[in-house]
Amino acid sequence: MSQVSITIPLTRSDEARLLFGPGDAHLRKIRETLGTSVVLRGDSIVLEGDDEQVRKTKAVFERLREVLRRDGIIHDDLVTRVLGTNNSSAAVSLGSEIDLFEKAKKVRPRTAGQQRYVDAIRKHDLIFCAGPAGCGKTYLAVAMAVNALRSEQVRRIVLVRPAVEAGEKLGFLPGDMLAKVNPFLRPLLDAMNDMLNFEQVRLYMENDVVEIVPLAFMRGRTLNDTFIILDEAQNTTTTQMKMFLTRMGEGSKIVVTGDPTQTDLPESVGSGFNDAVARLQRIEGVTLVELGGEDIVRHRLVREIVKAYDQAAPVRTP
């Protein structure tokens, strides 16, 4: 395998010291795990080794730099997680799985589109994801939120949904307001329960570490160090979307998911999801990921159902 050399320019005077760790502990772990030559030359880090080694090592440093820019510090256990293993013969895969820090529980993107989505969440602070039912928009966002919480990137998770009536009036449903909105919020709780054990989810919710709320309850709040997910965002109005997005505080990340083809708003009301994408996606730190039928990972029939409804209207028979 050919030998290559890559130079990584440093952007601040103390960056190498923080990346390499106390007494170069992080640097030694990276060298021992990947077998790459890593040296500091002037204001750059130089990587030398075979092509695959250098590629993996560059990816590790890119991830550590992202954390350093965000948190100002790199902990030893984070280096271990990024490397994925202490075995120098094993491959490092930064994007292939989402670690939930639960025994034997991993979530993996299953399509190229889902991988782009997960990568976008890692790299940006405001992510819009548009796609059909079954493509993993909500599930992967919740997995990334759990990962961020349990790796101490955020202190809380807030899961939000608009309580838009789809053929059934809230006023006619039994129970108090929380009972009325529970069906709207249930998919988010189901995703969380699929990843963590019931007792852990209960404790998180009792201590307000995880909060699942209707969109209307977000008004007037500012959320710092929080991973916020707005699900079914195609059912928000422009005013609601502006209200929601401006809840974002320091150290927070927002993922907004929606299916523009499944809007339950009145015909005369425009979707806040489409409006926000058009207004905001050119702003630095904001990105849009579009998933399609090829990213549907539910029952095989779901993909065919979506495809059928995307085609021309069926011919009516007498």
Protein backbone atom coordinates (compact mmCIF):
# COMPACT_ATOMS: atom_id res chain seq x y z
CA MET A 1 0.00 0.00 0.00
CA SER A 2 1.36 3.43 -0.93
CA GLN A 3 2.74 5.78 1.70
CA VAL A 4 1.16 9.23 1.95
CA SER A 5 1.57 12.40 3.97
CA ILE A 6 -1.16 14.86 4.97
CA THR A 7 -0.73 18.22 6.69
CA ILE A 8 -3.44 19.55 9.02
CA PRO A 9 -3.02 23.32 9.60
CA LEU A 10 -3.75 24.47 13.17
CA THR A 11 -6.00 27.46 13.75
CA ARG A 12 -4.96 28.52 17.28
CA SER A 13 -1.77 28.49 19.31
CA ASP A 14 -2.94 25.99 21.94
CA GLU A 15 -4.78 23.63 19.58
CA ALA A 16 -2.01 21.03 19.34
CA ARG A 17 -1.60 20.91 23.14
CA LEU A 18 -5.34 20.36 23.63
CA LEU A 19 -5.62 17.81 20.82
CA PHE A 20 -2.60 15.83 22.04
CA GLY A 21 -3.84 15.86 25.66
CA PRO A 22 -2.03 16.06 29.01
CA GLY A 23 1.47 14.66 28.58
CA ASP A 24 0.52 13.78 24.97
CA ALA A 25 -1.80 11.03 26.29
CA HIS A 26 -4.34 11.45 23.45
CA LEU A 27 -1.55 11.49 20.86
CA ARG A 28 -0.05 8.25 22.18
CA LYS A 29 -3.44 6.54 22.08
CA ILE A 30 -4.02 7.64 18.48
CA ARG A 31 -0.54 6.49 17.39
CA GLU A 32 -0.85 3.13 19.14
CA THR A 33 -4.35 2.45 17.82
CA LEU A 34 -3.87 3.48 14.20
CA GLY A 35 -0.12 3.05 13.69
CA THR A 36 0.20 6.41 11.95
CA SER A 37 3.15 8.76 12.36
CA VAL A 38 1.82 11.99 13.90
CA VAL A 39 4.25 14.89 14.40
CA LEU A 40 3.94 18.59 15.09
CA ARG A 41 5.80 20.77 12.59
CA GLY A 42 5.47 24.49 13.17
CA ASP A 43 1.78 25.35 13.18
CA SER A 44 0.66 22.10 11.50
CA ILE A 45 0.14 18.44 12.35
CA VAL A 46 1.73 16.10 9.81
CA LEU A 47 0.35 12.58 9.33
CA GLU A 48 2.40 9.93 7.57
CA GLY A 49 1.63 6.27 6.84
CA ASP A 50 -0.25 4.12 4.38
CA ASP A 51 -3.27 5.63 2.70
CA GLU A 52 -5.90 3.96 4.89
CA GLN A 53 -4.07 4.73 8.14
CA VAL A 54 -3.69 8.38 7.28
CA ARG A 55 -7.31 8.70 6.14
CA LYS A 56 -8.60 7.26 9.42
CA THR A 57 -6.23 9.38 11.51
CA LYS A 58 -7.29 12.55 9.68
CA ALA A 59 -10.94 11.67 10.37
CA VAL A 60 -10.14 11.19 14.07
CA PHE A 61 -8.46 14.60 14.32
CA GLU A 62 -11.32 16.26 12.45
CA ARG A 63 -13.80 14.83 14.94
CA LEU A 64 -11.68 15.84 17.93
CA ARG A 65 -11.36 19.36 16.55
CA GLU A 66 -15.14 19.60 16.24
CA VAL A 67 -15.49 18.67 19.91
CA LEU A 68 -12.70 21.05 20.91
CA ARG A 69 -14.34 23.97 19.11
CA ARG A 70 -17.63 23.19 20.81
CA ASP A 71 -16.55 22.19 24.33
CA GLY A 72 -13.06 23.68 24.69
CA ILE A 73 -11.71 20.38 26.08
CA ILE A 74 -11.20 16.78 25.00
CA HIS A 75 -11.64 14.02 27.57
CA ASP A 76 -9.73 10.76 27.37
CA ASP A 77 -12.91 8.65 27.14
CA LEU A 78 -14.01 10.67 24.12
CA VAL A 79 -10.74 9.83 22.34
CA THR A 80 -11.39 6.17 23.07
CA ARG A 81 -14.94 6.38 21.67
CA VAL A 82 -13.80 8.21 18.53
CA LEU A 83 -11.12 5.66 17.89
CA GLY A 84 -13.70 2.96 18.46
CA THR A 85 -11.18 0.41 19.69
CA ASN A 86 -7.73 0.04 21.23
CA ASN A 87 -6.87 -2.71 18.73
CA SER A 88 -4.58 -1.25 16.07
CA SER A 89 -5.70 -3.83 13.52
CA ALA A 90 -9.38 -2.87 13.71
CA ALA A 91 -11.01 -0.35 11.45
CA VAL A 92 -12.14 3.04 12.73
CA SER A 93 -15.61 3.97 11.55
CA LEU A 94 -16.72 7.39 12.75
CA GLY A 95 -20.02 7.43 10.96
CA SER A 96 -21.12 3.81 10.77
CA GLU A 97 -22.84 3.66 14.16
CA ILE A 98 -24.41 5.87 16.79
CA ASP A 99 -23.28 4.83 20.25
CA LEU A 100 -26.10 4.98 22.81
CA PHE A 101 -23.86 3.70 25.64
CA GLU A 102 -26.35 0.91 26.31
CA LYS A 103 -25.16 -2.70 26.49
CA ALA A 104 -25.34 -4.30 23.02
CA LYS A 105 -27.38 -1.37 21.68
CA LYS A 106 -26.17 0.41 18.57
CA VAL A 107 -28.03 2.34 15.89
CA ARG A 108 -26.59 2.37 12.39
CA PRO A 109 -27.56 4.39 9.32
CA ARG A 110 -28.74 1.83 6.78
CA THR A 111 -28.60 3.85 3.57
CA ALA A 112 -26.29 6.45 2.03
CA GLY A 113 -28.96 9.10 2.59
CA GLN A 114 -29.26 8.23 6.26
CA GLN A 115 -25.48 8.44 6.57
CA ARG A 116 -25.55 11.96 5.07
CA TYR A 117 -28.25 12.85 7.58
CA VAL A 118 -26.23 11.63 10.57
CA ASP A 119 -23.10 13.38 9.27
CA ALA A 120 -25.08 16.62 8.89
CA ILE A 121 -26.29 16.40 12.49
CA ARG A 122 -22.71 15.95 13.65
CA LYS A 123 -21.47 18.96 11.68
CA HIS A 124 -24.26 21.56 11.92
CA ASP A 125 -26.30 23.26 14.63
CA LEU A 126 -29.59 23.54 12.70
CA ILE A 127 -30.59 20.67 10.45
CA PHE A 128 -33.72 20.33 8.34
CA CYS A 129 -34.55 16.83 7.11
CA ALA A 130 -37.26 16.28 4.50
CA GLY A 131 -38.38 12.79 3.54
CA PRO A 132 -41.24 10.30 3.33
CA ALA A 133 -42.58 8.09 6.09
CA GLY A 134 -40.26 5.29 7.15
CA CYS A 135 -36.94 6.83 6.11
CA GLY A 136 -35.59 7.21 9.66
CA LYS A 137 -35.91 10.98 10.05
CA THR A 138 -37.18 10.87 13.61
CA TYR A 139 -35.50 7.69 14.81
CA LEU A 140 -31.99 8.75 13.80
CA ALA A 141 -32.50 12.24 15.23
CA VAL A 142 -33.54 10.75 18.58
CA ALA A 143 -30.53 8.40 18.49
CA MET A 144 -28.19 11.33 17.89
CA ALA A 145 -29.86 13.22 20.73
CA VAL A 146 -29.32 10.30 23.13
CA ASN A 147 -25.70 10.05 22.00
CA ALA A 148 -25.17 13.78 22.61
CA LEU A 149 -26.76 13.57 26.06
CA ARG A 150 -24.85 10.51 27.24
CA SER A 151 -21.52 11.81 25.92
CA GLU A 152 -22.18 15.10 27.78
CA GLN A 153 -22.34 17.26 24.68
CA VAL A 154 -25.74 18.55 25.91
CA ARG A 155 -27.52 18.56 29.25
CA ARG A 156 -31.07 17.93 28.06
CA ILE A 157 -33.19 16.60 25.21
CA VAL A 158 -36.44 18.31 24.21
CA LEU A 159 -38.69 16.50 21.74
CA VAL A 160 -41.41 18.62 20.17
CA ARG A 161 -44.40 17.98 17.91
CA PRO A 162 -47.21 20.22 16.65
CA ALA A 163 -50.59 18.97 17.87
CA VAL A 164 -52.31 19.38 14.52
CA GLU A 165 -55.67 17.70 14.09
CA ALA A 166 -55.76 15.23 11.19
CA GLY A 167 -59.45 14.52 10.78
CA GLU A 168 -60.20 14.37 14.51
CA LYS A 169 -60.85 17.36 16.75
CA LEU A 170 -58.89 17.57 19.99
CA GLY A 171 -61.96 18.81 21.80
CA PHE A 172 -63.79 15.56 21.14
CA LEU A 173 -60.98 13.35 22.45
CA PRO A 174 -61.36 12.10 26.06
CA GLY A 175 -59.22 13.29 28.96
CA ASP A 176 -57.39 16.45 30.00
CA MET A 177 -55.01 18.41 27.74
CA LEU A 178 -52.04 16.08 28.35
CA ALA A 179 -54.21 13.08 27.49
CA LYS A 180 -55.39 14.84 24.34
CA VAL A 181 -51.89 15.59 23.05
CA ASN A 182 -50.40 12.22 24.04
CA PRO A 183 -51.22 10.59 20.66
CA PHE A 184 -49.28 13.33 18.89
CA LEU A 185 -46.21 12.90 21.10
CA ARG A 186 -46.26 9.11 21.29
CA PRO A 187 -44.01 8.42 18.26
CA LEU A 188 -41.18 10.37 19.89
CA LEU A 189 -41.55 8.46 23.14
CA ASP A 190 -41.70 5.17 21.24
CA ALA A 191 -38.37 5.96 19.55
CA MET A 192 -36.79 6.81 22.90
CA ASN A 193 -38.13 3.65 24.54
CA ASP A 194 -36.72 1.53 21.72
CA MET A 195 -33.21 2.79 22.51
CA LEU A 196 -33.13 2.97 26.30
CA ASN A 197 -34.60 0.79 29.01
CA PHE A 198 -37.92 1.85 30.48
CA GLU A 199 -36.51 2.79 33.89
CA GLN A 200 -33.85 5.04 32.34
CA VAL A 201 -36.43 6.87 30.22
CA ARG A 202 -38.69 7.29 33.26
CA LEU A 203 -35.87 8.79 35.34
CA TYR A 204 -34.86 11.12 32.53
CA MET A 205 -38.41 12.39 32.19
CA GLU A 206 -39.00 12.73 35.93
CA ASN A 207 -35.83 14.85 36.22
CA ASP A 208 -36.62 16.92 33.10
CA VAL A 209 -33.51 15.62 31.38
CA VAL A 210 -35.81 14.46 28.59
CA GLU A 211 -38.92 16.50 27.87
CA ILE A 212 -41.58 15.67 25.30
CA VAL A 213 -43.87 18.63 24.66
CA PRO A 214 -46.41 20.01 22.19
CA LEU A 215 -45.09 22.87 20.07
CA ALA A 216 -47.44 25.40 21.67
CA PHE A 217 -45.74 24.83 25.05
CA MET A 218 -42.42 26.15 23.67
CA ARG A 219 -43.40 29.82 23.59
CA GLY A 220 -41.31 32.08 25.82
CA ARG A 221 -38.56 29.55 26.53
CA THR A 222 -34.81 29.69 25.88
CA LEU A 223 -33.04 26.33 25.78
CA ASN A 224 -29.29 26.24 26.41
CA ASP A 225 -27.11 23.12 26.05
CA THR A 226 -30.11 21.24 24.67
CA PHE A 227 -30.67 18.86 21.77
CA ILE A 228 -34.06 19.87 20.36
CA ILE A 229 -36.04 17.87 17.79
CA LEU A 230 -39.13 19.22 16.06
CA ASP A 231 -40.95 16.31 14.44
CA GLU A 232 -43.71 16.51 11.79
CA ALA A 233 -42.65 20.09 11.13
CA GLN A 234 -44.62 20.26 7.88
CA ASN A 235 -47.62 20.86 10.17
CA THR A 236 -46.25 24.11 11.59
CA THR A 237 -47.22 27.54 10.37
CA THR A 238 -44.58 30.13 9.50
CA THR A 239 -45.26 31.96 12.77
CA GLN A 240 -44.95 28.77 14.81
CA MET A 241 -41.70 27.81 13.09
CA LYS A 242 -40.16 31.23 13.79
CA MET A 243 -41.24 30.96 17.43
CA PHE A 244 -39.71 27.49 17.72
CA LEU A 245 -36.38 28.23 16.04
CA THR A 246 -35.81 31.31 18.19
CA ARG A 247 -35.93 29.13 21.35
CA MET A 248 -32.39 28.00 20.52
CA GLY A 249 -29.85 28.97 23.17
CA GLU A 250 -26.09 28.65 23.61
CA GLY A 251 -24.65 25.18 23.10
CA SER A 252 -27.85 23.83 21.58
CA LYS A 253 -28.61 21.89 18.42
CA ILE A 254 -31.93 21.71 16.55
CA VAL A 255 -33.11 19.00 14.16
CA VAL A 256 -36.33 19.73 12.27
CA THR A 257 -37.95 16.83 10.43
CA GLY A 258 -40.88 16.85 8.07
CA ASP A 259 -42.61 15.30 5.08
CA PRO A 260 -43.82 18.13 2.81
CA THR A 261 -46.22 15.71 1.07
CA GLN A 262 -48.11 14.95 4.31
CA THR A 263 -49.27 18.38 5.49
CA ASP A 264 -52.39 18.40 7.67
CA LEU A 265 -52.72 22.19 7.71
CA PRO A 266 -55.73 23.87 6.09
CA GLU A 267 -55.21 24.45 2.37
CA SER A 268 -55.07 28.21 2.90
CA VAL A 269 -52.21 27.96 5.43
CA GLY A 270 -48.61 27.67 4.20
CA SER A 271 -46.19 25.22 5.83
CA GLY A 272 -43.59 26.75 8.13
CA PHE A 273 -41.22 23.91 7.23
CA ASN A 274 -41.06 24.81 3.55
CA ASP A 275 -40.83 28.51 4.38
CA ALA A 276 -37.96 28.00 6.84
CA VAL A 277 -35.98 25.83 4.41
CA ALA A 278 -36.31 28.48 1.71
CA ARG A 279 -35.30 31.29 4.07
CA LEU A 280 -32.53 29.73 6.11
CA GLN A 281 -30.60 27.00 4.31
CA ARG A 282 -28.00 29.43 2.93
CA ILE A 283 -27.05 30.57 6.45
CA GLU A 284 -23.78 29.13 7.74
CA GLY A 285 -24.45 26.39 10.26
CA VAL A 286 -27.82 25.51 8.70
CA THR A 287 -28.27 22.58 6.31
CA LEU A 288 -31.00 20.61 4.55
CA VAL A 289 -30.90 16.84 4.04
CA GLU A 290 -33.43 15.32 1.66
CA LEU A 291 -34.23 11.62 1.97
CA GLY A 292 -36.18 9.62 -0.60
CA GLY A 293 -37.93 6.34 -1.20
CA GLU A 294 -34.58 4.55 -1.35
CA ASP A 295 -34.02 5.48 2.31
CA ILE A 296 -37.22 3.85 3.60
CA VAL A 297 -36.25 1.10 6.04
CA ARG A 298 -39.62 -0.07 7.38
CA HIS A 299 -41.51 -3.04 5.95
CA ARG A 300 -40.71 -3.48 2.25
CA LEU A 301 -44.32 -2.60 1.36
CA VAL A 302 -43.95 0.91 2.82
CA ARG A 303 -41.56 1.85 0.01
CA GLU A 304 -44.03 0.56 -2.59
CA ILE A 305 -46.94 2.36 -0.90
CA VAL A 306 -45.06 5.67 -0.90
CA LYS A 307 -44.10 5.19 -4.54
CA ALA A 308 -47.73 4.46 -5.50
CA TYR A 309 -49.02 7.60 -3.80
CA ASP A 310 -46.29 9.71 -5.41
CA GLN A 311 -47.49 8.67 -8.86
CA ALA A 312 -50.41 10.19 -10.76
CA ALA A 313 -53.87 10.00 -9.24
CA PRO A 314 -55.61 6.65 -9.84
CA VAL A 315 -58.21 6.40 -12.54
CA ARG A 316 -61.71 6.32 -11.13
CA THR A 317 -63.88 3.41 -12.22
CA PRO A 318 -67.61 3.83 -12.78
